[in-house]
């Protein structure tokens, strides 16, 4: 609906703004504070920790009201199902390739046996 589209638009806009702000802050922070390579690494770890807070907030929102995050977990389940089906298809294709390689080896063996018989 139109209302949900507006909500998704504002949510996406806020997410992009937060991401850009975090990138800007981490860049400025590292340039101003860091005096050596180890300082840059330490500061990067601190920034990664701050970025990890986003996942904690998401988990908290899910604990408070599951409807706020249910669409995300539903899409995760769909993606897991797709991955599982593609993995199964990949296994079956590998089995087919293995059988074809075995058949090719048998055909090569038959061809070499035929050449030996022709020599006799």
Foldseek 3Di string as FASTA:
>chain_A
DVVVVVVVVVVVVVVVVVVVVLVVVLVVCCVVPDDDPVSNVVSVVVSVVVVCVVVVVVVVVCVVPVVVCVVVVVVVVVVVVVVVVVVVVVVVVVVVVVVVVVVVVVVVVVVVVVVVVVVD
